[in-house]
Amino acid sequence: MNPRRIVAALPVLLLFALSACSNAAPSGYVPPSSTTPSGSGHGAVTGASEVAEPQLHLVAVDGTGNVGMLDLLGNSETKLGTVAPPSSTVSDGRYVFATTSKGVEIVDSGVWTWDHGDHFHYYRSTPALLGTVVGGGAPAVSTSTLSTAGGTGLFFPESGEAVLLDNASLSRGEIRERFRIKLPPHRGLVVPVGDGAIVTTPDAEGKPAALQYYTAEGKPLEGAQADCSDGQGSIVTRIGAVVGCADGAVLITGQGDAPALEKVPYPDAASAMAAVKFDARKGRPTVAGMGGPSGVWLLSTRQRSWTWLPTPIPMVRASAVDDEQGHIVTLDDEGRVHVYIAKTGQEAGVTEPLLPKTTLTSSSLDSVSLTVDAQRAYLNAPTDGLVYEIDFADRARIARTLTPSVQPVFIAETGR
């Protein structure tokens, strides 16, 4: 039996114990067996099947735009179609947002998890290519924790267009913009919060300097602002949304008409560079922030505090699992994956070099992703056509080496 299936089946007990609560099918799609879908408050969508375990897949996009899905439980593959050649991708655990010459092309993997706090619901529907959102320049894409509620934010730096997409519409196969706001061009962010979003505003030099909350109608909410010099990097946890700033981060909590923007400053004695990119297991309160190469920032959104994890070798990627052991998974500049324990800072495992040095010292690094879920980490080797599945709880053991038929220049783990 596939060992990934054994691990993935564990949440089934939790689901049954706690839950009281159209496009043509691509080649290779097989409708799953299902239970009765839950109500709309549980992430159900008309035509989707609720299933007993998370439908974990890897979506791979190659350099020419071919898109495929690899079932991590059954090893079957599905060809989804083609987008324009991508320069980057972002995923929320269901959709893949591919930046191309056309704009942002959206792939719906058709598999997702609804986080209900103390338990989860799992769904599967027909995957599809949904279409394109146009704008000026390569946008920053910010996702939320739920694929059937809230929104997805896009900021186009050349045109200054701030766009908030409606996730409920996306889940029905429709691209609908809640708002599109024109701001001065800058390297901005649109970070979903409730039904609206936090949007950066620039200073006179065109650098992000402050944050403003906009309602779903695209109206700025008075009193919902915060300073955020050189704002870059965002992530949404179950506690709230995070935006990185030069002197710390702003944590945005609350819903509806009263979001709270709270500064979480770096410790007074901190000498490390500010975090500019955040990664973590989807929805977890503690996130890893990549700044300089000498270590990793850990931000606890629950405790409103930072912890610095120094590393003896330069790191280029880091992600927080935020499990009971506090695993932190990193990638160094020699292509090795390391596992650290957050509480002690001790290294718990390391792999041999998995990526060639050329991948780590060129623009190819932009396509390398290190994704974590509750049991595994996934690292793509774009030039080798491989994806490494790593058991971080077992001293960074390579559990499987996957070879998708679509070259994994970009990957995303979906079904989470």
Protein backbone atom coordinates (compact mmCIF):
# COMPACT_ATOMS: atom_id res chain seq x y z
CA MET A 1 0.00 0.00 0.00
CA ASN A 2 1.15 3.53 -0.76
CA PRO A 3 2.65 4.92 2.50
CA ARG A 4 1.28 8.38 1.65
CA ARG A 5 -2.24 6.93 1.70
CA ILE A 6 -1.70 5.50 5.18
CA VAL A 7 -0.62 8.90 6.48
CA ALA A 8 -3.32 10.82 4.64
CA ALA A 9 -6.03 8.53 5.97
CA LEU A 10 -5.39 9.60 9.56
CA PRO A 11 -7.56 12.76 9.31
CA VAL A 12 -10.53 10.56 8.37
CA LEU A 13 -11.00 9.62 12.03
CA LEU A 14 -10.97 13.29 12.95
CA LEU A 15 -13.48 14.12 10.24
CA PHE A 16 -16.03 11.52 11.33
CA ALA A 17 -15.49 12.14 15.02
CA LEU A 18 -15.93 15.91 14.87
CA SER A 19 -18.03 16.80 11.87
CA ALA A 20 -21.53 17.18 13.02
CA CYS A 21 -21.66 19.71 11.05
CA SER A 22 -18.47 23.22 -15.93
CA ASN A 23 -16.03 22.37 -18.00
CA ALA A 24 -15.42 19.12 -19.85
CA ALA A 25 -13.39 16.67 -17.78
CA PRO A 26 -9.71 16.61 -18.73
CA SER A 27 -8.11 13.39 -19.93
CA GLY A 28 -7.49 11.03 -17.01
CA TYR A 29 -10.11 12.47 -14.65
CA VAL A 30 -12.03 9.85 -12.67
CA PRO A 31 -14.94 11.04 -10.47
CA PRO A 32 -14.36 9.87 -6.87
CA SER A 33 -16.81 8.13 -4.59
CA SER A 34 -18.43 10.63 -2.27
CA THR A 35 -20.51 11.29 0.78
CA THR A 36 -23.34 13.80 0.93
CA PRO A 37 -21.90 17.33 0.57
CA SER A 38 -22.13 19.61 3.58
CA GLY A 39 -23.79 23.01 3.56
CA SER A 40 -22.24 26.09 2.00
CA GLY A 41 -20.63 27.01 5.32
CA HIS A 42 -18.39 23.97 5.04
CA GLY A 43 -16.79 24.69 1.67
CA ALA A 44 -19.21 22.66 -0.47
CA VAL A 45 -19.80 23.69 -4.07
CA THR A 46 -22.55 22.45 -6.39
CA GLY A 47 -21.24 19.53 -8.42
CA ALA A 48 -18.36 18.75 -6.05
CA SER A 49 -18.05 15.53 -4.07
CA GLU A 50 -17.20 15.47 -0.39
CA VAL A 51 -14.67 12.72 0.25
CA ALA A 52 -13.17 11.07 3.31
CA GLU A 53 -9.55 12.17 3.01
CA PRO A 54 -7.57 15.09 1.55
CA GLN A 55 -7.15 14.73 -2.21
CA LEU A 56 -3.47 15.66 -2.31
CA HIS A 57 -2.07 16.38 -5.78
CA LEU A 58 0.94 18.04 -7.33
CA VAL A 59 0.15 20.48 -10.12
CA ALA A 60 3.14 20.83 -12.45
CA VAL A 61 3.60 23.51 -15.10
CA ASP A 62 6.47 23.27 -17.56
CA GLY A 63 8.36 26.07 -19.29
CA THR A 64 6.03 26.12 -22.29
CA GLY A 65 2.85 26.21 -20.17
CA ASN A 66 1.70 22.58 -20.21
CA VAL A 67 -0.24 21.83 -17.02
CA GLY A 68 -0.63 18.41 -15.40
CA MET A 69 -1.73 16.93 -12.08
CA LEU A 70 -0.15 14.00 -10.23
CA ASP A 71 -2.29 12.22 -7.63
CA LEU A 72 -0.06 11.78 -4.57
CA LEU A 73 -2.27 8.99 -3.23
CA GLY A 74 -2.86 6.89 -6.34
CA ASN A 75 -0.02 8.07 -8.62
CA SER A 76 -2.41 8.65 -11.55
CA GLU A 77 -1.89 11.69 -13.76
CA THR A 78 -4.24 14.15 -15.45
CA LYS A 79 -3.39 16.54 -18.28
CA LEU A 80 -5.24 19.82 -17.77
CA GLY A 81 -4.26 21.81 -20.86
CA THR A 82 -1.93 24.70 -21.61
CA VAL A 83 -1.35 28.25 -20.41
CA ALA A 84 1.14 30.72 -21.87
CA PRO A 85 4.75 30.18 -20.75
CA PRO A 86 4.80 31.17 -17.06
CA SER A 87 7.34 33.30 -15.20
CA SER A 88 6.01 32.41 -11.73
CA THR A 89 3.18 30.61 -9.96
CA VAL A 90 1.37 30.99 -6.62
CA SER A 91 -1.14 28.59 -5.06
CA ASP A 92 -3.63 28.66 -2.20
CA GLY A 93 -3.91 24.86 -2.04
CA ARG A 94 -6.60 24.66 -4.72
CA TYR A 95 -5.97 27.22 -7.46
CA VAL A 96 -2.68 27.86 -9.23
CA PHE A 97 -2.17 31.46 -10.36
CA ALA A 98 0.36 31.50 -13.21
CA THR A 99 1.90 34.81 -14.26
CA THR A 100 2.29 34.84 -18.04
CA SER A 101 2.58 37.38 -20.86
CA LYS A 102 -1.24 37.42 -20.94
CA GLY A 103 -1.65 38.35 -17.27
CA VAL A 104 -2.51 35.90 -14.49
CA GLU A 105 -3.92 32.63 -15.80
CA ILE A 106 -5.89 30.62 -13.24
CA VAL A 107 -5.84 26.84 -12.94
CA ASP A 108 -8.46 25.15 -10.75
CA SER A 109 -7.08 21.80 -9.55
CA GLY A 110 -10.58 20.82 -8.40
CA VAL A 111 -9.38 19.56 -5.00
CA TRP A 112 -9.51 21.45 -1.72
CA THR A 113 -9.83 21.31 2.05
CA TRP A 114 -12.18 23.40 4.18
CA ASP A 115 -10.65 24.22 7.56
CA HIS A 116 -13.48 24.26 10.09
CA GLY A 117 -11.27 24.99 13.08
CA ASP A 118 -11.51 21.72 14.99
CA HIS A 119 -11.96 19.48 11.94
CA PHE A 120 -11.76 19.52 8.15
CA HIS A 121 -13.92 18.79 5.10
CA TYR A 122 -12.39 17.48 1.88
CA TYR A 123 -13.75 17.98 -1.65
CA ARG A 124 -13.08 17.01 -5.23
CA SER A 125 -14.55 18.32 -8.47
CA THR A 126 -13.52 18.54 -12.12
CA PRO A 127 -10.25 20.44 -12.65
CA ALA A 128 -10.24 23.21 -15.24
CA LEU A 129 -8.45 26.21 -16.72
CA LEU A 130 -10.57 29.21 -15.67
CA GLY A 131 -9.16 32.08 -17.70
CA THR A 132 -7.00 35.19 -17.33
CA VAL A 133 -6.87 38.38 -15.27
CA VAL A 134 -5.11 41.14 -17.21
CA GLY A 135 -3.02 43.97 -15.81
CA GLY A 136 0.24 45.86 -16.15
CA GLY A 137 3.42 44.04 -15.15
CA ALA A 138 4.12 40.85 -13.22
CA PRO A 139 1.78 41.04 -10.20
CA ALA A 140 2.20 40.07 -6.58
CA VAL A 141 -0.48 37.44 -5.80
CA SER A 142 -1.78 37.02 -2.24
CA THR A 143 -4.11 34.17 -1.37
CA SER A 144 -6.37 33.37 1.58
CA THR A 145 -6.92 30.19 3.60
CA LEU A 146 -10.30 29.20 2.08
CA SER A 147 -10.75 28.60 -1.64
CA THR A 148 -14.55 28.98 -1.64
CA ALA A 149 -14.81 32.14 0.48
CA GLY A 150 -13.03 35.45 0.85
CA GLY A 151 -10.81 36.63 -1.97
CA THR A 152 -7.49 36.53 -3.80
CA GLY A 153 -5.46 39.70 -4.24
CA LEU A 154 -3.38 40.81 -7.24
CA PHE A 155 -1.31 43.98 -7.50
CA PHE A 156 0.04 44.91 -10.95
CA PRO A 157 3.14 47.07 -10.35
CA GLU A 158 3.43 48.77 -13.73
CA SER A 159 -0.18 49.94 -13.94
CA GLY A 160 -0.81 50.32 -10.20
CA GLU A 161 -3.98 48.24 -10.44
CA ALA A 162 -5.10 46.57 -7.22
CA VAL A 163 -7.51 43.70 -7.93
CA LEU A 164 -9.50 41.56 -5.49
CA LEU A 165 -11.00 38.38 -6.95
CA ASP A 166 -14.06 36.70 -5.45
CA ASN A 167 -13.19 33.15 -4.35
CA ALA A 168 -16.81 31.97 -4.22
CA SER A 169 -17.11 32.84 -7.92
CA LEU A 170 -13.81 31.12 -8.70
CA SER A 171 -15.13 27.97 -7.04
CA ARG A 172 -18.01 28.01 -9.56
CA GLY A 173 -15.65 28.46 -12.50
CA GLU A 174 -16.19 32.23 -12.87
CA ILE A 175 -13.64 35.03 -12.62
CA ARG A 176 -15.29 37.99 -10.88
CA GLU A 177 -13.48 41.05 -9.57
CA ARG A 178 -14.81 42.45 -6.31
CA PHE A 179 -12.85 45.59 -7.01
CA ARG A 180 -10.14 47.02 -9.28
CA ILE A 181 -8.54 50.17 -7.86
CA LYS A 182 -6.07 52.41 -9.68
CA LEU A 183 -3.14 53.54 -7.51
CA PRO A 184 0.28 55.03 -8.31
CA PRO A 185 2.49 52.30 -9.80
CA HIS A 186 4.70 50.63 -7.20
CA ARG A 187 5.72 47.19 -5.91
CA GLY A 188 2.43 46.72 -4.08
CA LEU A 189 0.30 44.10 -2.38
CA VAL A 190 -3.41 43.27 -2.13
CA VAL A 191 -3.87 40.97 0.88
CA PRO A 192 -7.35 39.44 1.41
CA VAL A 193 -8.96 40.13 4.79
CA GLY A 194 -12.59 39.11 5.32
CA ASP A 195 -14.64 40.34 2.36
CA GLY A 196 -12.16 43.11 1.56
CA ALA A 197 -8.39 43.49 1.43
CA ILE A 198 -5.38 45.36 2.72
CA VAL A 199 -3.70 47.39 -0.05
CA THR A 200 -0.30 49.09 0.06
CA THR A 201 0.07 52.79 -0.65
CA PRO A 202 3.37 54.31 -1.85
CA ASP A 203 5.36 57.29 -0.66
CA ALA A 204 6.61 60.12 -2.88
CA GLU A 205 9.48 57.91 -4.09
CA GLY A 206 7.13 55.15 -5.17
CA LYS A 207 8.02 52.73 -2.36
CA PRO A 208 5.36 50.93 -0.27
CA ALA A 209 4.92 53.01 2.88
CA ALA A 210 1.52 52.27 4.42
CA LEU A 211 -1.41 49.86 4.46
CA GLN A 212 -5.07 50.72 3.89
CA TYR A 213 -8.07 48.42 4.27
CA TYR A 214 -10.57 48.52 1.40
CA THR A 215 -14.07 47.08 1.61
CA ALA A 216 -15.41 44.57 -0.91
CA GLU A 217 -16.83 47.55 -2.82
CA GLY A 218 -13.34 49.05 -3.19
CA LYS A 219 -13.89 51.85 -0.66
CA PRO A 220 -11.14 52.80 1.84
CA LEU A 221 -12.29 52.30 5.42
CA GLU A 222 -11.56 55.25 7.68
CA GLY A 223 -9.41 54.35 10.68
CA ALA A 224 -8.14 51.10 9.15
CA GLN A 225 -4.60 52.14 8.22
CA ALA A 226 -1.08 51.45 9.43
CA ASP A 227 2.43 52.57 8.56
CA CYS A 228 4.49 49.85 6.88
CA SER A 229 7.77 51.06 5.42
CA ASP A 230 9.04 48.95 2.51
CA GLY A 231 6.07 46.58 2.79
CA GLN A 232 6.70 43.28 1.02
CA GLY A 233 5.84 39.67 1.62
CA SER A 234 2.46 38.48 2.89
CA ILE A 235 0.74 35.37 4.20
CA VAL A 236 -2.66 34.59 5.71
CA THR A 237 -2.92 32.38 8.81
CA ARG A 238 -5.93 31.28 10.84
CA ILE A 239 -5.11 34.12 13.26
CA GLY A 240 -4.96 36.84 10.62
CA ALA A 241 -3.11 38.26 7.63
CA VAL A 242 0.55 39.26 7.79
CA VAL A 243 2.39 41.92 5.80
CA GLY A 244 6.16 42.28 6.22
CA CYS A 245 7.62 45.73 6.91
CA ALA A 246 11.14 47.07 7.33
CA ASP A 247 10.75 47.18 11.12
CA GLY A 248 8.63 44.04 11.66
CA ALA A 249 5.20 43.07 10.40
CA VAL A 250 1.61 44.22 10.54
CA LEU A 251 -0.92 41.61 11.67
CA ILE A 252 -4.47 42.23 10.46
CA THR A 253 -7.23 40.54 12.44
CA GLY A 254 -11.01 40.84 12.62
CA GLN A 255 -13.64 40.69 9.91
CA GLY A 256 -16.26 42.90 8.34
CA ASP A 257 -16.23 46.60 9.13
CA ALA A 258 -13.65 46.56 11.93
CA PRO A 259 -10.31 45.01 10.98
CA ALA A 260 -7.52 45.66 13.48
CA LEU A 261 -4.01 46.47 12.20
CA GLU A 262 -1.37 45.66 14.82
CA LYS A 263 2.39 46.19 14.46
CA VAL A 264 4.60 43.30 15.58
CA PRO A 265 8.09 44.87 15.73
CA TYR A 266 11.35 43.00 15.54
CA PRO A 267 13.16 42.56 18.87
CA ASP A 268 15.16 45.64 19.91
CA ALA A 269 18.51 43.85 19.57
CA ALA A 270 17.74 42.31 16.18
CA SER A 271 20.50 42.76 13.63
CA ALA A 272 19.22 40.37 10.94
CA MET A 273 17.68 41.61 7.71
CA ALA A 274 13.90 42.02 7.52
CA ALA A 275 11.85 39.12 6.22
CA VAL A 276 10.66 39.63 2.65
CA LYS A 277 8.98 36.29 1.99
CA PHE A 278 6.82 34.12 4.27
CA ASP A 279 6.03 30.40 4.01
CA ALA A 280 4.29 27.88 6.25
CA ARG A 281 1.96 24.93 6.33
CA LYS A 282 -1.34 26.28 5.11
CA GLY A 283 -3.26 28.22 7.74
CA ARG A 284 -0.89 27.57 10.66
CA PRO A 285 -0.24 30.43 13.14
CA THR A 286 3.58 30.28 13.01
CA VAL A 287 5.28 31.23 9.75
CA ALA A 288 8.87 31.34 8.53
CA GLY A 289 10.23 34.54 7.04
CA MET A 290 13.17 34.62 4.64
CA GLY A 291 15.28 37.74 4.88
CA GLY A 292 19.05 37.54 4.78
CA PRO A 293 20.98 34.30 4.26
CA SER A 294 22.23 33.95 7.85
CA GLY A 295 19.05 32.51 9.33
CA VAL A 296 15.26 32.40 9.44
CA TRP A 297 12.73 34.58 11.19
CA LEU A 298 9.83 32.76 12.87
CA LEU A 299 6.72 34.85 13.46
CA SER A 300 4.08 33.57 15.86
CA THR A 301 0.85 35.33 14.92
CA ARG A 302 -0.79 33.85 18.00
CA GLN A 303 1.80 35.22 20.44
CA ARG A 304 2.65 38.32 18.39
CA SER A 305 6.37 37.59 18.65
CA TRP A 306 9.46 36.95 16.54
CA THR A 307 12.16 34.31 17.04
CA TRP A 308 15.46 34.32 15.17
CA LEU A 309 16.79 30.92 14.05
CA PRO A 310 20.45 31.30 13.01
CA THR A 311 21.81 28.82 10.48
CA PRO A 312 25.49 27.98 9.93
CA ILE A 313 25.10 28.03 6.15
CA PRO A 314 23.17 30.42 3.88
CA MET A 315 19.53 29.49 3.23
CA VAL A 316 17.42 30.36 0.19
CA ARG A 317 14.04 28.88 1.23
CA ALA A 318 12.34 28.21 4.57
CA SER A 319 8.89 27.01 5.62
CA ALA A 320 7.36 26.41 9.06
CA VAL A 321 5.41 23.20 9.63
CA ASP A 322 4.16 24.46 13.03
CA ASP A 323 3.46 20.93 14.28
CA GLU A 324 3.91 19.65 17.84
CA GLN A 325 7.65 19.23 17.32
CA GLY A 326 8.03 22.64 15.68
CA HIS A 327 9.73 21.49 12.47
CA ILE A 328 11.27 24.12 10.21
CA VAL A 329 12.25 22.97 6.71
CA THR A 330 14.90 24.93 4.82
CA LEU A 331 16.88 24.76 1.56
CA ASP A 332 20.51 25.88 1.59
CA ASP A 333 22.53 27.42 -1.23
CA GLU A 334 24.18 24.04 -1.93
CA GLY A 335 20.83 22.40 -2.71
CA ARG A 336 20.41 20.48 0.56
CA VAL A 337 17.20 20.34 2.59
CA HIS A 338 17.62 20.82 6.34
CA VAL A 339 15.14 20.23 9.16
CA TYR A 340 15.36 22.24 12.38
CA ILE A 341 13.40 22.15 15.63
CA ALA A 342 12.04 25.58 16.45
CA LYS A 343 12.20 25.32 20.25
CA THR A 344 15.84 24.29 20.40
CA GLY A 345 17.23 25.54 17.11
CA GLN A 346 18.92 22.17 16.66
CA GLU A 347 19.23 20.51 13.29
CA ALA A 348 17.18 17.30 13.08
CA GLY A 349 18.21 16.11 9.63
CA VAL A 350 19.74 17.04 6.30
CA THR A 351 19.72 15.58 2.79
CA GLU A 352 22.47 15.25 0.24
CA PRO A 353 22.50 18.01 -2.41
CA LEU A 354 19.27 17.62 -4.41
CA LEU A 355 19.63 20.56 -6.80
CA PRO A 356 22.54 21.54 -9.02
CA LYS A 357 24.46 24.65 -8.03
CA THR A 358 23.50 26.32 -11.29
CA THR A 359 19.83 26.20 -10.30
CA LEU A 360 20.57 27.99 -7.02
CA THR A 361 22.72 30.79 -8.42
CA SER A 362 20.63 31.89 -11.36
CA SER A 363 17.14 33.07 -12.21
CA SER A 364 16.15 29.38 -12.13
CA LEU A 365 15.86 29.73 -8.36
CA ASP A 366 12.61 31.65 -8.88
CA SER A 367 10.90 28.44 -9.97
CA VAL A 368 12.16 26.33 -7.04
CA SER A 369 9.51 25.81 -4.37
CA LEU A 370 9.67 24.16 -0.97
CA THR A 371 6.15 23.26 0.19
CA VAL A 372 5.16 21.58 3.46
CA ASP A 373 2.03 19.85 4.67
CA ALA A 374 1.35 17.94 7.90
CA GLN A 375 3.58 14.97 6.99
CA ARG A 376 5.77 15.80 4.01
CA ALA A 377 7.78 18.47 2.25
CA TYR A 378 8.01 18.78 -1.54
CA LEU A 379 10.96 20.24 -3.45
CA ASN A 380 11.05 20.46 -7.24
CA ALA A 381 14.24 20.05 -9.25
CA PRO A 382 13.16 21.90 -12.43
CA THR A 383 16.10 21.01 -14.67
CA ASP A 384 16.05 17.32 -13.64
CA GLY A 385 12.29 16.88 -14.03
CA LEU A 386 11.99 15.55 -10.46
CA VAL A 387 10.03 16.31 -7.31
CA TYR A 388 11.41 15.10 -3.99
CA GLU A 389 8.95 14.04 -1.29
CA ILE A 390 10.74 14.47 2.05
CA ASP A 391 9.75 13.04 5.44
CA PHE A 392 10.87 15.92 7.65
CA ALA A 393 9.96 14.03 10.85
CA ASP A 394 12.41 11.22 9.93
CA ARG A 395 15.67 13.15 9.68
CA ALA A 396 14.84 14.57 6.23
CA ARG A 397 14.51 11.13 4.66
CA ILE A 398 13.67 11.09 0.94
CA ALA A 399 10.35 9.20 0.99
CA ARG A 400 9.81 9.25 -2.79
CA THR A 401 11.30 10.71 -5.93
CA LEU A 402 8.44 11.68 -8.23
CA THR A 403 8.72 12.09 -12.01
CA PRO A 404 5.63 13.90 -13.35
CA SER A 405 5.07 13.56 -17.08
CA VAL A 406 4.83 17.37 -17.23
CA GLN A 407 8.26 18.72 -16.36
CA PRO A 408 7.91 20.35 -12.91
CA VAL A 409 9.45 23.72 -13.71
CA PHE A 410 6.79 25.07 -11.34
CA ILE A 411 4.84 23.00 -8.82
CA ALA A 412 2.04 23.45 -6.31
CA GLU A 413 0.62 21.00 -3.81
CA THR A 414 -3.19 21.14 -3.96
CA GLY A 415 -5.94 19.48 -1.98
CA ARG A 416 -4.62 21.07 1.22
